[in-house]
Amino acid sequence: MLSGRHLIRLIMLVAIASLALVACQPSAGGASSASSAGSVTVGTASSNLGTFLTGPNGKTLYTHAGDSTNTSTCSGACLTAWPALTVASGQHPTAGSGVTGTLGTFSRSDGSLQVTYNGLPLYYWQGDTKAGDTTGQGVNGFSVALVSGTASGTPAAGASSSARGY
């Protein structure tokens, strides 16, 4: 049997170990851009649009027609509606199963590091409520970020190709 002193030490050790494990778990839910550890894993899902990219929370990622390599045209109200997928300073995105293109990052004007796919900035859409939703397809020039070589993800006819109007 443990003495009172040893029992207290054991309880404290278990408590500290438990807190450390909880702190290492990625954040769950929401449209959070980066996990608590600062890195993100980009995965894939499929729909009638083709195979597309998903963030660590399983939600669909999008690209914007007005963006170019390592350059985002989305800021202000646009960025509120289309949160950027970001990583913490010094972190890099990781390609999950099915991701065939190149993941990278660039520094936004606010200093955050936005994740890119084949050089194009990646975003979430505030209107997607669960994993697999693609309700942002064709909205204000945004398209589902398709895995290289899959079906067309061209914005819906009549969709604006700029973020104006935010």
N, C-alpha and C. Protein backbone atom coordinates (compact mmCIF):
# COMPACT_ATOMS: atom_id res chain seq x y z
N MET A 1 0.84 -1.17 0.00
CA MET A 1 0.00 0.00 0.00
C MET A 1 0.89 1.24 0.00
N LEU A 2 0.46 2.26 -0.71
CA LEU A 2 1.22 3.50 -0.82
C LEU A 2 1.01 4.37 0.40
N SER A 3 2.09 5.04 0.80
CA SER A 3 1.95 6.00 1.90
C SER A 3 1.21 7.23 1.38
N GLY A 4 0.70 8.04 2.26
CA GLY A 4 -0.02 9.25 1.88
C GLY A 4 0.80 10.15 0.97
N ARG A 5 2.07 10.27 1.29
CA ARG A 5 2.96 11.12 0.51
C ARG A 5 3.14 10.58 -0.90
N HIS A 6 3.34 9.28 -1.04
CA HIS A 6 3.51 8.66 -2.35
C HIS A 6 2.22 8.72 -3.15
N LEU A 7 1.08 8.56 -2.49
CA LEU A 7 -0.22 8.62 -3.16
C LEU A 7 -0.46 10.01 -3.74
N ILE A 8 -0.12 11.04 -2.99
CA ILE A 8 -0.28 12.42 -3.48
C ILE A 8 0.63 12.66 -4.69
N ARG A 9 1.87 12.18 -4.63
CA ARG A 9 2.78 12.33 -5.76
C ARG A 9 2.25 11.61 -7.00
N LEU A 10 1.71 10.41 -6.80
CA LEU A 10 1.16 9.65 -7.91
C LEU A 10 -0.03 10.38 -8.53
N ILE A 11 -0.92 10.91 -7.70
CA ILE A 11 -2.09 11.65 -8.19
C ILE A 11 -1.64 12.88 -8.96
N MET A 12 -0.66 13.60 -8.45
CA MET A 12 -0.16 14.79 -9.13
C MET A 12 0.47 14.43 -10.47
N LEU A 13 1.22 13.33 -10.52
CA LEU A 13 1.85 12.90 -11.76
C LEU A 13 0.80 12.54 -12.80
N VAL A 14 -0.24 11.81 -12.39
CA VAL A 14 -1.31 11.45 -13.30
C VAL A 14 -2.04 12.70 -13.80
N ALA A 15 -2.29 13.67 -12.92
CA ALA A 15 -2.96 14.90 -13.31
C ALA A 15 -2.13 15.69 -14.32
N ILE A 16 -0.85 15.79 -14.07
CA ILE A 16 0.03 16.52 -14.99
C ILE A 16 0.10 15.83 -16.34
N ALA A 17 0.21 14.50 -16.32
CA ALA A 17 0.24 13.75 -17.58
C ALA A 17 -1.07 13.92 -18.34
N SER A 18 -2.18 13.92 -17.66
CA SER A 18 -3.49 14.10 -18.31
C SER A 18 -3.60 15.47 -18.95
N LEU A 19 -3.16 16.50 -18.24
CA LEU A 19 -3.20 17.85 -18.80
C LEU A 19 -2.31 17.96 -20.03
N ALA A 20 -1.16 17.33 -19.99
CA ALA A 20 -0.26 17.37 -21.14
C ALA A 20 -0.89 16.69 -22.35
N LEU A 21 -1.56 15.57 -22.13
CA LEU A 21 -2.22 14.88 -23.24
C LEU A 21 -3.35 15.71 -23.82
N VAL A 22 -4.15 16.35 -22.99
CA VAL A 22 -5.24 17.19 -23.46
C VAL A 22 -4.70 18.36 -24.25
N ALA A 23 -3.62 18.95 -23.82
CA ALA A 23 -3.02 20.10 -24.50
C ALA A 23 -2.49 19.72 -25.88
N CYS A 24 -2.14 18.46 -26.09
CA CYS A 24 -1.60 18.01 -27.37
C CYS A 24 -2.68 17.64 -28.37
N GLN A 25 -3.93 17.54 -27.96
CA GLN A 25 -5.01 17.16 -28.87
C GLN A 25 -5.37 18.33 -29.76
N PRO A 26 -5.62 18.07 -31.07
CA PRO A 26 -6.05 19.15 -31.95
C PRO A 26 -7.43 19.64 -31.54
N SER A 27 -7.69 20.92 -31.83
CA SER A 27 -9.00 21.47 -31.50
C SER A 27 -10.04 20.80 -32.38
N ALA A 28 -11.23 20.66 -31.87
CA ALA A 28 -12.30 19.99 -32.61
C ALA A 28 -13.39 20.97 -32.96
N GLY A 29 -14.08 20.68 -34.07
CA GLY A 29 -15.26 21.45 -34.45
C GLY A 29 -14.93 22.84 -34.91
N GLY A 30 -16.00 23.59 -35.23
CA GLY A 30 -15.86 24.97 -35.65
C GLY A 30 -15.11 25.09 -36.96
N ALA A 31 -14.91 26.31 -37.38
CA ALA A 31 -14.19 26.57 -38.62
C ALA A 31 -12.80 27.10 -38.32
N SER A 32 -12.25 26.66 -37.22
CA SER A 32 -10.93 27.10 -36.82
C SER A 32 -9.93 26.82 -37.94
N SER A 33 -9.06 27.75 -38.19
CA SER A 33 -8.12 27.60 -39.28
C SER A 33 -7.02 26.62 -38.97
N ALA A 34 -6.43 26.72 -37.79
CA ALA A 34 -5.30 25.88 -37.45
C ALA A 34 -5.61 25.07 -36.21
N SER A 35 -4.97 23.93 -36.11
CA SER A 35 -5.15 23.11 -34.91
C SER A 35 -4.38 23.75 -33.77
N SER A 36 -4.61 23.27 -32.55
CA SER A 36 -3.95 23.85 -31.39
C SER A 36 -2.44 23.67 -31.46
N ALA A 37 -1.96 22.65 -32.16
CA ALA A 37 -0.53 22.44 -32.29
C ALA A 37 0.08 23.35 -33.34
N GLY A 38 -0.74 24.03 -34.14
CA GLY A 38 -0.24 24.97 -35.12
C GLY A 38 -0.13 24.42 -36.52
N SER A 39 -0.13 23.10 -36.69
CA SER A 39 -0.05 22.54 -38.03
C SER A 39 -1.41 22.00 -38.43
N VAL A 40 -1.60 21.80 -39.72
CA VAL A 40 -2.86 21.28 -40.22
C VAL A 40 -2.60 20.14 -41.20
N THR A 41 -3.53 19.21 -41.23
CA THR A 41 -3.50 18.16 -42.24
C THR A 41 -4.64 18.42 -43.20
N VAL A 42 -4.31 18.53 -44.48
CA VAL A 42 -5.31 18.72 -45.51
C VAL A 42 -5.67 17.34 -46.06
N GLY A 43 -6.96 17.05 -46.06
CA GLY A 43 -7.43 15.76 -46.54
C GLY A 43 -8.28 15.91 -47.78
N THR A 44 -9.03 14.88 -48.11
CA THR A 44 -9.90 14.91 -49.28
C THR A 44 -11.26 14.30 -48.97
N ALA A 45 -12.22 14.66 -49.79
CA ALA A 45 -13.57 14.08 -49.78
C ALA A 45 -14.05 14.11 -51.22
N SER A 46 -15.14 13.42 -51.51
CA SER A 46 -15.65 13.38 -52.88
C SER A 46 -17.14 13.68 -52.91
N SER A 47 -17.56 14.30 -54.02
CA SER A 47 -18.97 14.56 -54.28
C SER A 47 -19.16 14.55 -55.79
N ASN A 48 -20.32 14.99 -56.24
CA ASN A 48 -20.56 15.06 -57.69
C ASN A 48 -19.65 16.09 -58.36
N LEU A 49 -19.00 16.95 -57.58
CA LEU A 49 -18.06 17.93 -58.12
C LEU A 49 -16.70 17.31 -58.42
N GLY A 50 -16.40 16.19 -57.77
CA GLY A 50 -15.10 15.55 -57.90
C GLY A 50 -14.49 15.35 -56.54
N THR A 51 -13.19 15.06 -56.50
CA THR A 51 -12.47 14.91 -55.24
C THR A 51 -11.91 16.27 -54.86
N PHE A 52 -12.24 16.71 -53.64
CA PHE A 52 -11.85 18.05 -53.22
C PHE A 52 -11.12 18.02 -51.89
N LEU A 53 -10.48 19.14 -51.58
CA LEU A 53 -9.69 19.27 -50.35
C LEU A 53 -10.57 19.59 -49.16
N THR A 54 -10.15 19.09 -48.00
CA THR A 54 -10.83 19.40 -46.74
C THR A 54 -9.80 19.81 -45.70
N GLY A 55 -10.24 20.65 -44.78
CA GLY A 55 -9.38 21.06 -43.68
C GLY A 55 -9.35 19.99 -42.60
N PRO A 56 -8.59 20.25 -41.53
CA PRO A 56 -8.47 19.26 -40.46
C PRO A 56 -9.80 18.96 -39.76
N ASN A 57 -10.77 19.84 -39.91
CA ASN A 57 -12.09 19.63 -39.31
C ASN A 57 -13.03 18.91 -40.28
N GLY A 58 -12.53 18.52 -41.46
CA GLY A 58 -13.33 17.81 -42.45
C GLY A 58 -14.15 18.70 -43.35
N LYS A 59 -14.12 20.01 -43.09
CA LYS A 59 -14.91 20.93 -43.92
C LYS A 59 -14.19 21.26 -45.21
N THR A 60 -14.99 21.53 -46.23
CA THR A 60 -14.52 21.79 -47.59
C THR A 60 -13.63 23.04 -47.64
N LEU A 61 -12.58 22.96 -48.47
CA LEU A 61 -11.72 24.10 -48.73
C LEU A 61 -12.00 24.62 -50.14
N TYR A 62 -11.81 25.93 -50.30
CA TYR A 62 -12.13 26.63 -51.55
C TYR A 62 -10.95 27.46 -52.02
N THR A 63 -10.95 27.76 -53.33
CA THR A 63 -10.01 28.72 -53.91
C THR A 63 -10.84 29.85 -54.51
N HIS A 64 -10.19 30.99 -54.76
CA HIS A 64 -10.88 32.16 -55.30
C HIS A 64 -10.31 32.51 -56.67
N ALA A 65 -11.21 32.79 -57.62
CA ALA A 65 -10.81 33.09 -59.00
C ALA A 65 -9.94 34.34 -59.10
N GLY A 66 -10.08 35.28 -58.16
CA GLY A 66 -9.29 36.51 -58.21
C GLY A 66 -7.89 36.38 -57.65
N ASP A 67 -7.58 35.26 -57.01
CA ASP A 67 -6.26 35.05 -56.42
C ASP A 67 -5.28 34.56 -57.47
N SER A 68 -4.00 34.78 -57.18
CA SER A 68 -2.94 34.22 -58.01
C SER A 68 -1.94 33.54 -57.08
N THR A 69 -0.88 33.02 -57.63
CA THR A 69 0.09 32.28 -56.85
C THR A 69 0.57 33.09 -55.64
N ASN A 70 0.36 32.51 -54.45
CA ASN A 70 0.77 33.11 -53.18
C ASN A 70 0.26 34.53 -52.97
N THR A 71 -0.90 34.84 -53.54
CA THR A 71 -1.50 36.16 -53.38
C THR A 71 -3.00 36.01 -53.16
N SER A 72 -3.49 36.62 -52.07
CA SER A 72 -4.92 36.58 -51.76
C SER A 72 -5.52 37.96 -52.02
N THR A 73 -6.69 37.97 -52.67
CA THR A 73 -7.42 39.21 -52.88
C THR A 73 -8.57 39.35 -51.87
N CYS A 74 -8.67 38.40 -50.95
CA CYS A 74 -9.75 38.36 -49.97
C CYS A 74 -9.28 38.99 -48.65
N SER A 75 -9.97 40.06 -48.23
CA SER A 75 -9.66 40.70 -46.96
C SER A 75 -10.95 41.30 -46.40
N GLY A 76 -10.89 41.83 -45.20
CA GLY A 76 -12.05 42.49 -44.59
C GLY A 76 -13.25 41.56 -44.48
N ALA A 77 -14.40 42.04 -44.99
CA ALA A 77 -15.64 41.28 -44.91
C ALA A 77 -15.54 39.98 -45.70
N CYS A 78 -14.78 39.98 -46.78
CA CYS A 78 -14.58 38.75 -47.55
C CYS A 78 -13.92 37.69 -46.67
N LEU A 79 -12.91 38.08 -45.91
CA LEU A 79 -12.20 37.14 -45.06
C LEU A 79 -13.06 36.67 -43.89
N THR A 80 -14.04 37.48 -43.49
CA THR A 80 -14.98 37.06 -42.46
C THR A 80 -15.87 35.94 -43.01
N ALA A 81 -16.34 36.10 -44.24
CA ALA A 81 -17.19 35.10 -44.88
C ALA A 81 -16.39 33.88 -45.34
N TRP A 82 -15.14 34.10 -45.71
CA TRP A 82 -14.28 33.06 -46.25
C TRP A 82 -13.00 32.98 -45.42
N PRO A 83 -13.05 32.42 -44.21
CA PRO A 83 -11.84 32.37 -43.36
C PRO A 83 -10.70 31.60 -44.03
N ALA A 84 -9.53 32.18 -43.97
CA ALA A 84 -8.34 31.56 -44.56
C ALA A 84 -7.93 30.34 -43.73
N LEU A 85 -7.46 29.31 -44.41
CA LEU A 85 -6.84 28.18 -43.71
C LEU A 85 -5.42 28.61 -43.41
N THR A 86 -5.06 28.65 -42.13
CA THR A 86 -3.75 29.13 -41.73
C THR A 86 -3.04 28.11 -40.84
N VAL A 87 -1.74 28.32 -40.70
CA VAL A 87 -0.93 27.55 -39.76
C VAL A 87 -0.17 28.55 -38.90
N ALA A 88 0.27 28.08 -37.75
CA ALA A 88 1.06 28.93 -36.85
C ALA A 88 2.45 29.14 -37.44
N SER A 89 3.08 30.21 -37.04
CA SER A 89 4.43 30.52 -37.49
C SER A 89 5.35 29.33 -37.27
N GLY A 90 6.13 28.99 -38.28
CA GLY A 90 7.06 27.87 -38.18
C GLY A 90 6.44 26.52 -38.49
N GLN A 91 5.15 26.46 -38.72
CA GLN A 91 4.47 25.20 -39.03
C GLN A 91 4.26 25.07 -40.54
N HIS A 92 3.98 23.86 -40.97
CA HIS A 92 3.74 23.58 -42.39
C HIS A 92 2.53 22.67 -42.51
N PRO A 93 1.74 22.83 -43.58
CA PRO A 93 0.61 21.93 -43.78
C PRO A 93 1.11 20.54 -44.19
N THR A 94 0.31 19.55 -43.85
CA THR A 94 0.63 18.16 -44.17
C THR A 94 -0.42 17.62 -45.12
N ALA A 95 0.00 16.89 -46.13
CA ALA A 95 -0.92 16.28 -47.10
C ALA A 95 -1.44 14.96 -46.56
N GLY A 96 -2.76 14.85 -46.46
CA GLY A 96 -3.38 13.61 -46.06
C GLY A 96 -3.56 12.71 -47.27
N SER A 97 -4.20 11.58 -47.05
CA SER A 97 -4.46 10.61 -48.11
C SER A 97 -5.24 11.25 -49.26
N GLY A 98 -4.77 11.04 -50.48
CA GLY A 98 -5.46 11.53 -51.66
C GLY A 98 -5.05 12.91 -52.14
N VAL A 99 -4.27 13.63 -51.35
CA VAL A 99 -3.82 14.96 -51.76
C VAL A 99 -2.61 14.79 -52.67
N THR A 100 -2.77 15.16 -53.94
CA THR A 100 -1.72 14.91 -54.92
C THR A 100 -0.93 16.16 -55.31
N GLY A 101 -1.45 17.33 -55.01
CA GLY A 101 -0.76 18.57 -55.36
C GLY A 101 0.22 18.98 -54.28
N THR A 102 0.75 20.17 -54.42
CA THR A 102 1.74 20.70 -53.49
C THR A 102 1.10 21.67 -52.51
N LEU A 103 1.31 21.41 -51.22
CA LEU A 103 0.86 22.32 -50.17
C LEU A 103 2.00 23.25 -49.81
N GLY A 104 1.65 24.49 -49.50
CA GLY A 104 2.65 25.47 -49.09
C GLY A 104 1.98 26.54 -48.25
N THR A 105 2.70 27.61 -47.98
CA THR A 105 2.16 28.74 -47.23
C THR A 105 2.75 30.03 -47.79
N PHE A 106 2.08 31.14 -47.50
CA PHE A 106 2.62 32.46 -47.78
C PHE A 106 2.15 33.39 -46.66
N SER A 107 2.87 34.48 -46.48
CA SER A 107 2.52 35.45 -45.44
C SER A 107 1.48 36.43 -45.95
N ARG A 108 0.34 36.50 -45.22
CA ARG A 108 -0.69 37.49 -45.54
C ARG A 108 -0.26 38.85 -45.00
N SER A 109 -0.94 39.90 -45.41
CA SER A 109 -0.59 41.25 -44.96
C SER A 109 -0.70 41.40 -43.45
N ASP A 110 -1.54 40.57 -42.79
CA ASP A 110 -1.68 40.65 -41.33
C ASP A 110 -0.63 39.80 -40.61
N GLY A 111 0.28 39.16 -41.37
CA GLY A 111 1.34 38.36 -40.78
C GLY A 111 1.00 36.89 -40.61
N SER A 112 -0.26 36.50 -40.81
CA SER A 112 -0.62 35.09 -40.68
C SER A 112 -0.10 34.32 -41.88
N LEU A 113 0.06 33.00 -41.71
CA LEU A 113 0.53 32.14 -42.78
C LEU A 113 -0.65 31.38 -43.36
N GLN A 114 -1.03 31.72 -44.59
CA GLN A 114 -2.15 31.06 -45.24
C GLN A 114 -1.65 29.85 -46.02
N VAL A 115 -2.40 28.76 -45.94
CA VAL A 115 -2.06 27.52 -46.64
C VAL A 115 -2.47 27.65 -48.11
N THR A 116 -1.63 27.11 -49.00
CA THR A 116 -1.91 27.10 -50.42
C THR A 116 -1.90 25.67 -50.96
N TYR A 117 -2.58 25.49 -52.08
CA TYR A 117 -2.57 24.22 -52.82
C TYR A 117 -2.15 24.56 -54.24
N ASN A 118 -1.04 24.01 -54.67
CA ASN A 118 -0.46 24.37 -55.97
C ASN A 118 -0.35 25.88 -56.11
N GLY A 119 -0.01 26.55 -55.01
CA GLY A 119 0.21 28.00 -54.99
C GLY A 119 -1.02 28.84 -54.72
N LEU A 120 -2.24 28.26 -54.81
CA LEU A 120 -3.46 29.05 -54.62
C LEU A 120 -3.92 29.03 -53.17
N PRO A 121 -4.23 30.19 -52.61
CA PRO A 121 -4.69 30.28 -51.22
C PRO A 121 -5.97 29.46 -50.98
N LEU A 122 -6.07 28.86 -49.79
CA LEU A 122 -7.22 28.04 -49.42
C LEU A 122 -8.06 28.73 -48.35
N TYR A 123 -9.39 28.56 -48.48
CA TYR A 123 -10.35 29.19 -47.58
C TYR A 123 -11.45 28.20 -47.19
N TYR A 124 -12.09 28.47 -46.06
CA TYR A 124 -13.34 27.82 -45.68
C TYR A 124 -14.48 28.75 -46.10
N TRP A 125 -15.71 28.27 -46.09
CA TRP A 125 -16.90 29.10 -46.35
C TRP A 125 -17.76 29.06 -45.10
N GLN A 126 -18.14 30.23 -44.60
CA GLN A 126 -18.93 30.32 -43.37
C GLN A 126 -20.27 29.61 -43.49
N GLY A 127 -20.78 29.42 -44.69
CA GLY A 127 -22.07 28.78 -44.89
C GLY A 127 -22.05 27.27 -44.80
N ASP A 128 -20.87 26.66 -44.85
CA ASP A 128 -20.77 25.21 -44.69
C ASP A 128 -20.86 24.89 -43.21
N THR A 129 -21.82 24.06 -42.84
CA THR A 129 -22.03 23.76 -41.42
C THR A 129 -21.47 22.42 -40.99
N LYS A 130 -21.21 21.54 -41.95
CA LYS A 130 -20.68 20.22 -41.59
C LYS A 130 -19.72 19.73 -42.67
N ALA A 131 -18.95 18.72 -42.31
CA ALA A 131 -18.03 18.11 -43.25
C ALA A 131 -18.79 17.65 -44.49
N GLY A 132 -18.21 17.91 -45.66
CA GLY A 132 -18.82 17.49 -46.91
C GLY A 132 -19.73 18.53 -47.55
N ASP A 133 -20.15 19.56 -46.80
CA ASP A 133 -20.95 20.63 -47.39
C ASP A 133 -20.11 21.35 -48.45
N THR A 134 -20.74 21.73 -49.56
CA THR A 134 -20.06 22.48 -50.62
C THR A 134 -20.94 23.66 -51.04
N THR A 135 -21.59 24.29 -50.06
CA THR A 135 -22.54 25.37 -50.36
C THR A 135 -21.88 26.64 -50.88
N GLY A 136 -20.56 26.74 -50.77
CA GLY A 136 -19.86 27.92 -51.28
C GLY A 136 -19.48 27.82 -52.74
N GLN A 137 -19.74 26.67 -53.37
CA GLN A 137 -19.37 26.48 -54.77
C GLN A 137 -20.04 27.55 -55.64
N GLY A 138 -19.21 28.35 -56.33
CA GLY A 138 -19.71 29.36 -57.26
C GLY A 138 -20.13 30.67 -56.62
N VAL A 139 -19.95 30.82 -55.32
CA VAL A 139 -20.34 32.05 -54.64
C VAL A 139 -19.20 33.07 -54.73
N ASN A 140 -19.47 34.22 -55.31
CA ASN A 140 -18.50 35.32 -55.40
C ASN A 140 -17.13 34.90 -55.93
N GLY A 141 -17.12 34.02 -56.92
CA GLY A 141 -15.86 33.62 -57.54
C GLY A 141 -15.11 32.53 -56.81
N PHE A 142 -15.69 31.95 -55.77
CA PHE A 142 -15.04 30.87 -55.04
C PHE A 142 -15.48 29.53 -55.60
N SER A 143 -14.55 28.59 -55.64
CA SER A 143 -14.81 27.23 -56.13
C SER A 143 -14.22 26.23 -55.15
N VAL A 144 -14.86 25.08 -55.08
CA VAL A 144 -14.33 23.97 -54.29
C VAL A 144 -12.91 23.70 -54.78
N ALA A 145 -11.97 23.54 -53.85
CA ALA A 145 -10.58 23.27 -54.20
C ALA A 145 -10.44 21.81 -54.59
N LEU A 146 -10.46 21.56 -55.89
CA LEU A 146 -10.40 20.19 -56.39
C LEU A 146 -8.98 19.66 -56.39
N VAL A 147 -8.87 18.35 -56.11
CA VAL A 147 -7.58 17.68 -56.21
C VAL A 147 -7.19 17.68 -57.68
N SER A 148 -5.94 17.90 -57.97
CA SER A 148 -5.45 17.95 -59.35
C SER A 148 -5.94 16.76 -60.15
N GLY A 149 -6.49 17.05 -61.34
CA GLY A 149 -6.91 16.01 -62.25
C GLY A 149 -8.30 15.46 -62.04
N THR A 150 -9.12 16.08 -61.17
CA THR A 150 -10.49 15.59 -60.98
C THR A 150 -11.47 16.44 -61.76
N ALA A 151 -12.74 16.17 -61.60
CA ALA A 151 -13.81 16.85 -62.35
C ALA A 151 -13.76 18.36 -62.19
N SER A 152 -14.44 19.06 -63.07
CA SER A 152 -14.45 20.52 -63.10
C SER A 152 -15.11 21.11 -61.87
N GLY A 153 -14.52 22.17 -61.35
CA GLY A 153 -15.08 22.89 -60.21
C GLY A 153 -15.32 24.34 -60.58
N THR A 154 -15.58 24.60 -61.83
CA THR A 154 -15.80 25.96 -62.30
C THR A 154 -16.97 26.59 -61.57
N PRO A 155 -16.85 27.85 -61.16
CA PRO A 155 -17.97 28.51 -60.47
C PRO A 155 -19.24 28.44 -61.30
N ALA A 156 -20.36 28.40 -60.63
CA ALA A 156 -21.66 28.34 -61.30
C ALA A 156 -21.83 29.53 -62.23
N ALA A 157 -22.58 29.34 -63.29
CA ALA A 157 -22.83 30.41 -64.26
C ALA A 157 -23.39 31.63 -63.55
N GLY A 158 -22.86 32.79 -63.90
CA GLY A 158 -23.35 34.02 -63.32
C GLY A 158 -22.69 34.38 -62.00
N ALA A 159 -21.82 33.52 -61.50
CA ALA A 159 -21.16 33.83 -60.23
C ALA A 159 -20.12 34.91 -60.47
N SER A 160 -20.01 35.82 -59.55
CA SER A 160 -19.03 36.90 -59.65
C SER A 160 -17.63 36.32 -59.51
N SER A 161 -16.68 36.88 -60.24
CA SER A 161 -15.30 36.40 -60.13
C SER A 161 -14.48 37.27 -59.20
N SER A 162 -15.10 38.12 -58.44
CA SER A 162 -14.34 38.93 -57.48
C SER A 162 -15.02 38.89 -56.13
N ALA A 163 -14.31 39.37 -55.14
CA ALA A 163 -14.84 39.38 -53.78
C ALA A 163 -15.57 40.68 -53.50
N ARG A 164 -15.80 41.49 -54.53
CA ARG A 164 -16.50 42.76 -54.33
C ARG A 164 -17.91 42.49 -53.84
N GLY A 165 -18.45 43.39 -53.11
CA GLY A 165 -19.79 43.23 -52.58
C GLY A 165 -19.79 42.85 -51.12
N TYR A 166 -18.59 42.61 -50.57
CA TYR A 166 -18.50 42.31 -49.13
C TYR A 166 -18.39 43.59 -48.37
